[in-house]
Amino acid sequence: MKILRTLGYCFLFVMVPLGGVLAAYPDQISGFISALLRTDVSRGALGIAFLFISAVCMKVDLGIRRRAAEA
């Protein structure tokens, strides 16, 4: 059960470095993803994708914490 409670910290350790990298190198990352997907990816699209990933992580984290609190 303790691992479920600490899972929120895993999201923290994923989202904070990802946000730092996106903030430091937005042009390089958007260029890399554009080349990888063979389509245009703008810096704004990267920001929206980051916010979406953050929302999903928070939703999962809150669900895990609620289940841990009920048990």
PDB file of N, CA and C in Angstrom:
ATOM      1  N   MET A   1       0.807  -1.195   0.000  1.00  0.00           N
ATOM      2  CA  MET A   1       0.000   0.000   0.000  1.00  0.00           C
ATOM      3  C   MET A   1       0.856   1.267   0.000  1.00  0.00           C
ATOM      4  N   LYS A   2       2.025   1.190   0.624  1.00  0.00           N
ATOM      5  CA  LYS A   2       2.883   2.370   0.661  1.00  0.00           C
ATOM      6  C   LYS A   2       3.363   2.750  -0.731  1.00  0.00           C
ATOM      7  N   ILE A   3       3.540   1.751  -1.591  1.00  0.00           N
ATOM      8  CA  ILE A   3       3.997   2.074  -2.950  1.00  0.00           C
ATOM      9  C   ILE A   3       2.937   2.864  -3.707  1.00  0.00           C
ATOM     10  N   LEU A   4       1.661   2.617  -3.416  1.00  0.00           N
ATOM     11  CA  LEU A   4       0.604   3.390  -4.070  1.00  0.00           C
ATOM     12  C   LEU A   4       0.625   4.841  -3.623  1.00  0.00           C
ATOM     13  N   ARG A   5       0.960   5.075  -2.363  1.00  0.00           N
ATOM     14  CA  ARG A   5       1.012   6.452  -1.870  1.00  0.00           C
ATOM     15  C   ARG A   5       2.198   7.209  -2.430  1.00  0.00           C
ATOM     16  N   THR A   6       3.300   6.513  -2.677  1.00  0.00           N
ATOM     17  CA  THR A   6       4.484   7.193  -3.186  1.00  0.00           C
ATOM     18  C   THR A   6       4.465   7.325  -4.699  1.00  0.00           C
ATOM     19  N   LEU A   7       3.472   6.745  -5.349  1.00  0.00           N
ATOM     20  CA  LEU A   7       3.409   6.836  -6.804  1.00  0.00           C
ATOM     21  C   LEU A   7       3.264   8.277  -7.271  1.00  0.00           C
ATOM     22  N   GLY A   8       2.651   9.119  -6.466  1.00  0.00           N
ATOM     23  CA  GLY A   8       2.532  10.532  -6.813  1.00  0.00           C
ATOM     24  C   GLY A   8       3.886  11.195  -6.964  1.00  0.00           C
ATOM     25  N   TYR A   9       4.853  10.756  -6.193  1.00  0.00           N
ATOM     26  CA  TYR A   9       6.196  11.302  -6.323  1.00  0.00           C
ATOM     27  C   TYR A   9       6.848  10.876  -7.626  1.00  0.00           C
ATOM     28  N   CYS A  10       6.480   9.720  -8.140  1.00  0.00           N
ATOM     29  CA  CYS A  10       7.006   9.302  -9.439  1.00  0.00           C
ATOM     30  C   CYS A  10       6.538  10.259 -10.527  1.00  0.00           C
ATOM     31  N   PHE A  11       5.282  10.673 -10.457  1.00  0.00           N
ATOM     32  CA  PHE A  11       4.788  11.641 -11.428  1.00  0.00           C
ATOM     33  C   PHE A  11       5.531  12.964 -11.282  1.00  0.00           C
ATOM     34  N   LEU A  12       5.829  13.327 -10.037  1.00  0.00           N
ATOM     35  CA  LEU A  12       6.583  14.553  -9.811  1.00  0.00           C
ATOM     36  C   LEU A  12       7.969  14.449 -10.437  1.00  0.00           C
ATOM     37  N   PHE A  13       8.587  13.304 -10.307  1.00  0.00           N
ATOM     38  CA  PHE A  13       9.922  13.127 -10.858  1.00  0.00           C
ATOM     39  C   PHE A  13       9.914  12.956 -12.367  1.00  0.00           C
ATOM     40  N   VAL A  14       8.746  12.711 -12.954  1.00  0.00           N
ATOM     41  CA  VAL A  14       8.634  12.655 -14.409  1.00  0.00           C
ATOM     42  C   VAL A  14       8.291  14.035 -14.965  1.00  0.00           C
ATOM     43  N   MET A  15       7.317  14.695 -14.372  1.00  0.00           N
ATOM     44  CA  MET A  15       6.809  15.952 -14.931  1.00  0.00           C
ATOM     45  C   MET A  15       7.768  17.122 -14.744  1.00  0.00           C
ATOM     46  N   VAL A  16       8.434  17.187 -13.620  1.00  0.00           N
ATOM     47  CA  VAL A  16       9.333  18.328 -13.385  1.00  0.00           C
ATOM     48  C   VAL A  16      10.530  18.296 -14.339  1.00  0.00           C
ATOM     49  N   PRO A  17      11.224  17.171 -14.489  1.00  0.00           N
ATOM     50  CA  PRO A  17      12.317  17.181 -15.474  1.00  0.00           C
ATOM     51  C   PRO A  17      11.829  17.387 -16.912  1.00  0.00           C
ATOM     52  N   LEU A  18      10.685  16.797 -17.239  1.00  0.00           N
ATOM     53  CA  LEU A  18      10.142  16.979 -18.583  1.00  0.00           C
ATOM     54  C   LEU A  18       9.818  18.450 -18.837  1.00  0.00           C
ATOM     55  N   GLY A  19       9.216  19.104 -17.862  1.00  0.00           N
ATOM     56  CA  GLY A  19       8.925  20.534 -17.997  1.00  0.00           C
ATOM     57  C   GLY A  19      10.188  21.374 -18.106  1.00  0.00           C
ATOM     58  N   GLY A  20      11.217  21.007 -17.339  1.00  0.00           N
ATOM     59  CA  GLY A  20      12.483  21.728 -17.411  1.00  0.00           C
ATOM     60  C   GLY A  20      13.153  21.596 -18.762  1.00  0.00           C
ATOM     61  N   VAL A  21      13.128  20.388 -19.307  1.00  0.00           N
ATOM     62  CA  VAL A  21      13.725  20.167 -20.621  1.00  0.00           C
ATOM     63  C   VAL A  21      12.939  20.911 -21.697  1.00  0.00           C
ATOM     64  N   LEU A  22      11.609  20.862 -21.604  1.00  0.00           N
ATOM     65  CA  LEU A  22      10.788  21.573 -22.583  1.00  0.00           C
ATOM     66  C   LEU A  22      10.992  23.085 -22.495  1.00  0.00           C
ATOM     67  N   ALA A  23      11.178  23.590 -21.285  1.00  0.00           N
ATOM     68  CA  ALA A  23      11.388  25.026 -21.119  1.00  0.00           C
ATOM     69  C   ALA A  23      12.772  25.452 -21.610  1.00  0.00           C
ATOM     70  N   ALA A  24      13.763  24.586 -21.453  1.00  0.00           N
ATOM     71  CA  ALA A  24      15.124  24.939 -21.829  1.00  0.00           C
ATOM     72  C   ALA A  24      15.388  24.802 -23.326  1.00  0.00           C
ATOM     73  N   TYR A  25      14.795  23.784 -23.947  1.00  0.00           N
ATOM     74  CA  TYR A  25      15.085  23.495 -25.352  1.00  0.00           C
ATOM     75  C   TYR A  25      13.813  23.319 -26.177  1.00  0.00           C
ATOM     76  N   PRO A  26      12.917  24.300 -26.219  1.00  0.00           N
ATOM     77  CA  PRO A  26      11.651  24.082 -26.939  1.00  0.00           C
ATOM     78  C   PRO A  26      11.826  23.949 -28.453  1.00  0.00           C
ATOM     79  N   ASP A  27      12.727  24.729 -29.039  1.00  0.00           N
ATOM     80  CA  ASP A  27      12.915  24.660 -30.492  1.00  0.00           C
ATOM     81  C   ASP A  27      13.538  23.340 -30.924  1.00  0.00           C
ATOM     82  N   GLN A  28      14.526  22.882 -30.174  1.00  0.00           N
ATOM     83  CA  GLN A  28      15.180  21.630 -30.517  1.00  0.00           C
ATOM     84  C   GLN A  28      14.230  20.440 -30.361  1.00  0.00           C
ATOM     85  N   ILE A  29      13.438  20.456 -29.302  1.00  0.00           N
ATOM     86  CA  ILE A  29      12.506  19.345 -29.075  1.00  0.00           C
ATOM     87  C   ILE A  29      11.399  19.354 -30.116  1.00  0.00           C
ATOM     88  N   SER A  30      10.874  20.534 -30.435  1.00  0.00           N
ATOM     89  CA  SER A  30       9.821  20.574 -31.456  1.00  0.00           C
ATOM     90  C   SER A  30      10.386  20.170 -32.817  1.00  0.00           C
ATOM     91  N   GLY A  31      11.624  20.539 -33.108  1.00  0.00           N
ATOM     92  CA  GLY A  31      12.259  20.109 -34.351  1.00  0.00           C
ATOM     93  C   GLY A  31      12.460  18.603 -34.394  1.00  0.00           C
ATOM     94  N   PHE A  32      12.873  18.024 -33.264  1.00  0.00           N
ATOM     95  CA  PHE A  32      13.073  16.575 -33.197  1.00  0.00           C
ATOM     96  C   PHE A  32      11.758  15.826 -33.378  1.00  0.00           C
ATOM     97  N   ILE A  33      10.720  16.279 -32.700  1.00  0.00           N
ATOM     98  CA  ILE A  33       9.418  15.611 -32.811  1.00  0.00           C
ATOM     99  C   ILE A  33       8.842  15.805 -34.210  1.00  0.00           C
ATOM    100  N   SER A  34       9.055  16.975 -34.791  1.00  0.00           N
ATOM    101  CA  SER A  34       8.604  17.211 -36.164  1.00  0.00           C
ATOM    102  C   SER A  34       9.287  16.253 -37.138  1.00  0.00           C
ATOM    103  N   ALA A  35      10.590  16.062 -36.967  1.00  0.00           N
ATOM    104  CA  ALA A  35      11.318  15.145 -37.841  1.00  0.00           C
ATOM    105  C   ALA A  35      10.890  13.700 -37.594  1.00  0.00           C
ATOM    106  N   LEU A  36      10.631  13.369 -36.336  1.00  0.00           N
ATOM    107  CA  LEU A  36      10.242  12.007 -35.977  1.00  0.00           C
ATOM    108  C   LEU A  36       8.863  11.653 -36.533  1.00  0.00           C
ATOM    109  N   LEU A  37       7.923  12.586 -36.414  1.00  0.00           N
ATOM    110  CA  LEU A  37       6.553  12.336 -36.861  1.00  0.00           C
ATOM    111  C   LEU A  37       6.310  12.765 -38.305  1.00  0.00           C
ATOM    112  N   ARG A  38       7.286  13.454 -38.894  1.00  0.00           N
ATOM    113  CA  ARG A  38       7.181  13.967 -40.266  1.00  0.00           C
ATOM    114  C   ARG A  38       5.975  14.889 -40.451  1.00  0.00           C
ATOM    115  N   THR A  39       5.760  15.738 -39.469  1.00  0.00           N
ATOM    116  CA  THR A  39       4.709  16.749 -39.512  1.00  0.00           C
ATOM    117  C   THR A  39       5.171  17.949 -38.692  1.00  0.00           C
ATOM    118  N   ASP A  40       4.548  19.091 -38.888  1.00  0.00           N
ATOM    119  CA  ASP A  40       4.931  20.281 -38.131  1.00  0.00           C
ATOM    120  C   ASP A  40       4.406  20.205 -36.705  1.00  0.00           C
ATOM    121  N   VAL A  41       5.300  20.408 -35.753  1.00  0.00           N
ATOM    122  CA  VAL A  41       4.932  20.482 -34.341  1.00  0.00           C
ATOM    123  C   VAL A  41       5.456  21.818 -33.834  1.00  0.00           C
ATOM    124  N   SER A  42       4.553  22.655 -33.362  1.00  0.00           N
ATOM    125  CA  SER A  42       4.963  23.979 -32.893  1.00  0.00           C
ATOM    126  C   SER A  42       5.259  23.939 -31.393  1.00  0.00           C
ATOM    127  N   ARG A  43       5.836  25.025 -30.908  1.00  0.00           N
ATOM    128  CA  ARG A  43       6.110  25.130 -29.479  1.00  0.00           C
ATOM    129  C   ARG A  43       4.808  25.184 -28.688  1.00  0.00           C
ATOM    130  N   GLY A  44       3.792  25.802 -29.266  1.00  0.00           N
ATOM    131  CA  GLY A  44       2.489  25.847 -28.600  1.00  0.00           C
ATOM    132  C   GLY A  44       1.879  24.469 -28.458  1.00  0.00           C
ATOM    133  N   ALA A  45       2.043  23.645 -29.490  1.00  0.00           N
ATOM    134  CA  ALA A  45       1.530  22.271 -29.416  1.00  0.00           C
ATOM    135  C   ALA A  45       2.265  21.481 -28.339  1.00  0.00           C
ATOM    136  N   LEU A  46       3.564  21.733 -28.187  1.00  0.00           N
ATOM    137  CA  LEU A  46       4.311  21.074 -27.114  1.00  0.00           C
ATOM    138  C   LEU A  46       3.778  21.488 -25.743  1.00  0.00           C
ATOM    139  N   GLY A  47       3.468  22.765 -25.586  1.00  0.00           N
ATOM    140  CA  GLY A  47       2.919  23.243 -24.315  1.00  0.00           C
ATOM    141  C   GLY A  47       1.571  22.627 -24.005  1.00  0.00           C
ATOM    142  N   ILE A  48       0.727  22.533 -25.003  1.00  0.00           N
ATOM    143  CA  ILE A  48      -0.589  21.913 -24.810  1.00  0.00           C
ATOM    144  C   ILE A  48      -0.443  20.439 -24.467  1.00  0.00           C
ATOM    145  N   ALA A  49       0.458  19.750 -25.144  1.00  0.00           N
ATOM    146  CA  ALA A  49       0.687  18.329 -24.844  1.00  0.00           C
ATOM    147  C   ALA A  49       1.219  18.148 -23.432  1.00  0.00           C
ATOM    148  N   PHE A  50       2.102  19.040 -22.995  1.00  0.00           N
ATOM    149  CA  PHE A  50       2.626  18.964 -21.630  1.00  0.00           C
ATOM    150  C   PHE A  50       1.517  19.170 -20.608  1.00  0.00           C
ATOM    151  N   LEU A  51       0.646  20.141 -20.844  1.00  0.00           N
ATOM    152  CA  LEU A  51      -0.467  20.364 -19.927  1.00  0.00           C
ATOM    153  C   LEU A  51      -1.410  19.165 -19.892  1.00  0.00           C
ATOM    154  N   PHE A  52      -1.634  18.537 -21.039  1.00  0.00           N
ATOM    155  CA  PHE A  52      -2.483  17.347 -21.086  1.00  0.00           C
ATOM    156  C   PHE A  52      -1.854  16.194 -20.297  1.00  0.00           C
ATOM    157  N   ILE A  53      -0.561  15.985 -20.476  1.00  0.00           N
ATOM    158  CA  ILE A  53       0.123  14.926 -19.719  1.00  0.00           C
ATOM    159  C   ILE A  53       0.070  15.223 -18.225  1.00  0.00           C
ATOM    160  N   SER A  54       0.228  16.480 -17.848  1.00  0.00           N
ATOM    161  CA  SER A  54       0.142  16.862 -16.438  1.00  0.00           C
ATOM    162  C   SER A  54      -1.240  16.581 -15.869  1.00  0.00           C
ATOM    163  N   ALA A  55      -2.272  16.897 -16.627  1.00  0.00           N
ATOM    164  CA  ALA A  55      -3.637  16.654 -16.156  1.00  0.00           C
ATOM    165  C   ALA A  55      -3.905  15.166 -15.983  1.00  0.00           C
ATOM    166  N   VAL A  56      -3.432  14.361 -16.910  1.00  0.00           N
ATOM    167  CA  VAL A  56      -3.618  12.912 -16.796  1.00  0.00           C
ATOM    168  C   VAL A  56      -2.877  12.378 -15.577  1.00  0.00           C
ATOM    169  N   CYS A  57      -1.661  12.841 -15.366  1.00  0.00           N
ATOM    170  CA  CYS A  57      -0.890  12.391 -14.208  1.00  0.00           C
ATOM    171  C   CYS A  57      -1.551  12.793 -12.898  1.00  0.00           C
ATOM    172  N   MET A  58      -2.078  13.994 -12.836  1.00  0.00           N
ATOM    173  CA  MET A  58      -2.761  14.431 -11.615  1.00  0.00           C
ATOM    174  C   MET A  58      -4.023  13.616 -11.373  1.00  0.00           C
ATOM    175  N   LYS A  59      -4.763  13.312 -12.421  1.00  0.00           N
ATOM    176  CA  LYS A  59      -5.979  12.512 -12.285  1.00  0.00           C
ATOM    177  C   LYS A  59      -5.658  11.116 -11.754  1.00  0.00           C
ATOM    178  N   VAL A  60      -4.639  10.495 -12.307  1.00  0.00           N
ATOM    179  CA  VAL A  60      -4.233   9.168 -11.845  1.00  0.00           C
ATOM    180  C   VAL A  60      -3.742   9.231 -10.408  1.00  0.00           C
ATOM    181  N   ASP A  61      -2.944  10.239 -10.105  1.00  0.00           N
ATOM    182  CA  ASP A  61      -2.403  10.388  -8.761  1.00  0.00           C
ATOM    183  C   ASP A  61      -3.516  10.596  -7.738  1.00  0.00           C
ATOM    184  N   LEU A  62      -4.485  11.434  -8.056  1.00  0.00           N
ATOM    185  CA  LEU A  62      -5.591  11.663  -7.118  1.00  0.00           C
ATOM    186  C   LEU A  62      -6.430  10.409  -6.929  1.00  0.00           C
ATOM    187  N   GLY A  63      -6.639   9.655  -7.992  1.00  0.00           N
ATOM    188  CA  GLY A  63      -7.382   8.404  -7.866  1.00  0.00           C
ATOM    189  C   GLY A  63      -6.677   7.406  -6.960  1.00  0.00           C
ATOM    190  N   ILE A  64      -5.364   7.315  -7.103  1.00  0.00           N
ATOM    191  CA  ILE A  64      -4.584   6.397  -6.259  1.00  0.00           C
ATOM    192  C   ILE A  64      -4.621   6.855  -4.815  1.00  0.00           C
ATOM    193  N   ARG A  65      -4.495   8.140  -4.591  1.00  0.00           N
ATOM    194  CA  ARG A  65      -4.521   8.651  -3.210  1.00  0.00           C
ATOM    195  C   ARG A  65      -5.899   8.460  -2.564  1.00  0.00           C
ATOM    196  N   ARG A  66      -6.957   8.622  -3.332  1.00  0.00           N
ATOM    197  CA  ARG A  66      -8.303   8.400  -2.779  1.00  0.00           C
ATOM    198  C   ARG A  66      -8.505   6.946  -2.392  1.00  0.00           C
ATOM    199  N   ARG A  67      -8.074   6.035  -3.266  1.00  0.00           N
ATOM    200  CA  ARG A  67      -8.196   4.611  -2.931  1.00  0.00           C
ATOM    201  C   ARG A  67      -7.353   4.238  -1.732  1.00  0.00           C
ATOM    202  N   ALA A  68      -6.167   4.829  -1.605  1.00  0.00           N
ATOM    203  CA  ALA A  68      -5.307   4.551  -0.444  1.00  0.00           C
ATOM    204  C   ALA A  68      -5.924   5.101   0.823  1.00  0.00           C
ATOM    205  N   ALA A  69      -6.596   6.253   0.741  1.00  0.00           N
ATOM    206  CA  ALA A  69      -7.224   6.831   1.922  1.00  0.00           C
ATOM    207  C   ALA A  69      -8.425   6.032   2.384  1.00  0.00           C
ATOM    208  N   GLU A  70      -9.128   5.416   1.429  1.00  0.00           N
ATOM    209  CA  GLU A  70     -10.290   4.599   1.782  1.00  0.00           C
ATOM    210  C   GLU A  70      -9.895   3.282   2.440  1.00  0.00           C
ATOM    211  N   ALA A  71      -8.734   2.788   2.095  1.00  0.00           N
ATOM    212  CA  ALA A  71      -8.312   1.467   2.619  1.00  0.00           C
ATOM    213  C   ALA A  71      -7.776   1.561   4.021  1.00  0.00           C
TER     214      ALA A  71
END
